[in-house]
N, C-alpha and C. Protein backbone atom coordinates (compact mmCIF):
# COMPACT_ATOMS: atom_id res chain seq x y z
N MET A 1 97.20 123.21 89.18
CA MET A 1 97.85 123.11 90.46
C MET A 1 97.16 122.00 91.25
N LEU A 2 97.97 121.27 92.02
CA LEU A 2 97.45 120.23 92.89
C LEU A 2 97.66 120.65 94.35
N ILE A 3 96.71 120.31 95.18
CA ILE A 3 96.86 120.51 96.62
C ILE A 3 97.31 119.18 97.20
N ALA A 4 98.40 119.20 97.97
CA ALA A 4 98.95 117.96 98.50
C ALA A 4 99.47 118.17 99.91
N ARG A 5 99.57 117.08 100.64
CA ARG A 5 100.10 117.10 102.00
C ARG A 5 101.48 116.44 102.00
N VAL A 6 102.42 117.06 102.69
CA VAL A 6 103.76 116.49 102.80
C VAL A 6 103.69 115.31 103.76
N ILE A 7 104.21 114.15 103.30
CA ILE A 7 104.20 112.96 104.16
C ILE A 7 105.60 112.47 104.49
N GLY A 8 106.62 113.14 103.94
CA GLY A 8 107.99 112.75 104.25
C GLY A 8 108.99 113.49 103.40
N THR A 9 110.26 113.12 103.59
CA THR A 9 111.34 113.70 102.80
C THR A 9 112.12 112.57 102.16
N THR A 10 112.92 112.91 101.17
CA THR A 10 113.76 111.93 100.51
C THR A 10 115.07 112.61 100.12
N VAL A 11 116.06 111.81 99.79
CA VAL A 11 117.35 112.33 99.35
C VAL A 11 117.71 111.70 98.02
N SER A 12 118.60 112.34 97.31
CA SER A 12 119.05 111.84 96.02
C SER A 12 120.56 111.92 95.96
N THR A 13 121.19 110.87 95.46
CA THR A 13 122.64 110.91 95.32
C THR A 13 123.06 111.64 94.06
N VAL A 14 122.19 111.66 93.06
CA VAL A 14 122.48 112.36 91.81
C VAL A 14 121.28 113.24 91.48
N LYS A 15 121.53 114.55 91.32
CA LYS A 15 120.46 115.50 90.98
C LYS A 15 120.88 116.33 89.79
N ASP A 16 119.90 116.86 89.11
CA ASP A 16 120.15 117.84 88.07
C ASP A 16 120.81 119.06 88.73
N GLU A 17 121.71 119.72 88.03
CA GLU A 17 122.42 120.88 88.58
C GLU A 17 121.47 121.96 89.10
N LYS A 18 120.33 122.12 88.46
CA LYS A 18 119.37 123.16 88.85
C LYS A 18 118.71 122.86 90.19
N LEU A 19 118.79 121.63 90.67
CA LEU A 19 118.16 121.26 91.93
C LEU A 19 119.12 121.25 93.11
N THR A 20 120.35 121.63 92.88
CA THR A 20 121.34 121.66 93.97
C THR A 20 120.87 122.60 95.07
N GLY A 21 120.88 122.11 96.30
CA GLY A 21 120.46 122.91 97.44
C GLY A 21 118.97 122.91 97.70
N ARG A 22 118.20 122.22 96.89
CA ARG A 22 116.74 122.15 97.07
C ARG A 22 116.36 120.89 97.81
N LYS A 23 115.32 120.97 98.65
CA LYS A 23 114.82 119.80 99.36
C LYS A 23 113.82 119.04 98.49
N LEU A 24 113.84 117.72 98.62
CA LEU A 24 112.87 116.88 97.93
C LEU A 24 111.89 116.33 98.96
N LEU A 25 110.61 116.55 98.72
CA LEU A 25 109.58 116.12 99.65
C LEU A 25 108.70 115.06 99.02
N ILE A 26 108.24 114.12 99.83
CA ILE A 26 107.24 113.14 99.37
C ILE A 26 105.88 113.71 99.75
N VAL A 27 105.02 113.86 98.75
CA VAL A 27 103.69 114.46 98.97
C VAL A 27 102.61 113.53 98.43
N ARG A 28 101.41 113.72 98.94
CA ARG A 28 100.26 112.95 98.47
C ARG A 28 99.10 113.91 98.25
N GLN A 29 98.51 113.83 97.08
CA GLN A 29 97.42 114.72 96.72
C GLN A 29 96.23 114.54 97.67
N THR A 30 95.52 115.63 97.96
CA THR A 30 94.33 115.58 98.81
C THR A 30 93.12 116.10 98.04
N ASP A 31 91.95 115.67 98.49
CA ASP A 31 90.72 116.18 97.88
C ASP A 31 90.28 117.45 98.62
N GLU A 32 89.11 117.97 98.29
CA GLU A 32 88.64 119.22 98.89
C GLU A 32 88.35 119.11 100.39
N HIS A 33 88.29 117.88 100.91
CA HIS A 33 88.04 117.67 102.34
C HIS A 33 89.32 117.34 103.10
N GLY A 34 90.46 117.33 102.41
CA GLY A 34 91.74 117.03 103.04
C GLY A 34 92.07 115.55 103.13
N GLU A 35 91.25 114.71 102.49
CA GLU A 35 91.50 113.27 102.49
C GLU A 35 92.49 112.92 101.39
N ALA A 36 93.43 112.03 101.71
CA ALA A 36 94.46 111.63 100.74
C ALA A 36 93.84 110.84 99.59
N VAL A 37 94.29 111.13 98.38
CA VAL A 37 93.87 110.40 97.19
C VAL A 37 95.09 110.15 96.31
N GLY A 38 95.10 109.08 95.58
CA GLY A 38 96.20 108.80 94.66
C GLY A 38 97.46 108.32 95.35
N LYS A 39 98.49 108.15 94.54
CA LYS A 39 99.78 107.65 95.01
C LYS A 39 100.69 108.81 95.41
N PRO A 40 101.62 108.58 96.34
CA PRO A 40 102.60 109.62 96.70
C PRO A 40 103.54 109.91 95.54
N PHE A 41 104.08 111.13 95.50
CA PHE A 41 105.07 111.49 94.50
C PHE A 41 106.06 112.47 95.12
N VAL A 42 107.16 112.70 94.41
CA VAL A 42 108.21 113.58 94.90
C VAL A 42 108.01 114.98 94.33
N ALA A 43 108.16 115.98 95.19
CA ALA A 43 108.04 117.38 94.77
C ALA A 43 109.29 118.13 95.25
N VAL A 44 109.68 119.15 94.51
CA VAL A 44 110.81 119.98 94.89
C VAL A 44 110.29 121.15 95.72
N ASP A 45 110.86 121.33 96.91
CA ASP A 45 110.44 122.40 97.82
C ASP A 45 111.20 123.68 97.46
N THR A 46 110.61 124.50 96.61
CA THR A 46 111.28 125.71 96.14
C THR A 46 111.00 126.92 97.04
N VAL A 47 110.05 126.80 97.97
CA VAL A 47 109.68 127.93 98.82
C VAL A 47 109.96 127.64 100.30
N ASP A 48 110.75 126.62 100.59
CA ASP A 48 111.08 126.23 101.97
C ASP A 48 109.85 125.97 102.82
N ALA A 49 108.84 125.32 102.24
CA ALA A 49 107.63 124.98 102.99
C ALA A 49 107.94 123.92 104.05
N GLY A 50 108.77 122.95 103.68
CA GLY A 50 109.14 121.89 104.61
C GLY A 50 107.98 121.04 105.04
N VAL A 51 108.24 120.19 106.01
CA VAL A 51 107.20 119.30 106.52
C VAL A 51 106.22 120.11 107.34
């Protein structure tokens, strides 16, 4: 598991059928002190965490 901070949202014009109705969030991994590390990536918000 990775700990990450949400830094934005994104949209998709074409999604897999299983992702219909799910939000896509842009997240960036954080270290144990909450500092951002690495590159941002897209995650599927399956628990309605939101920004």
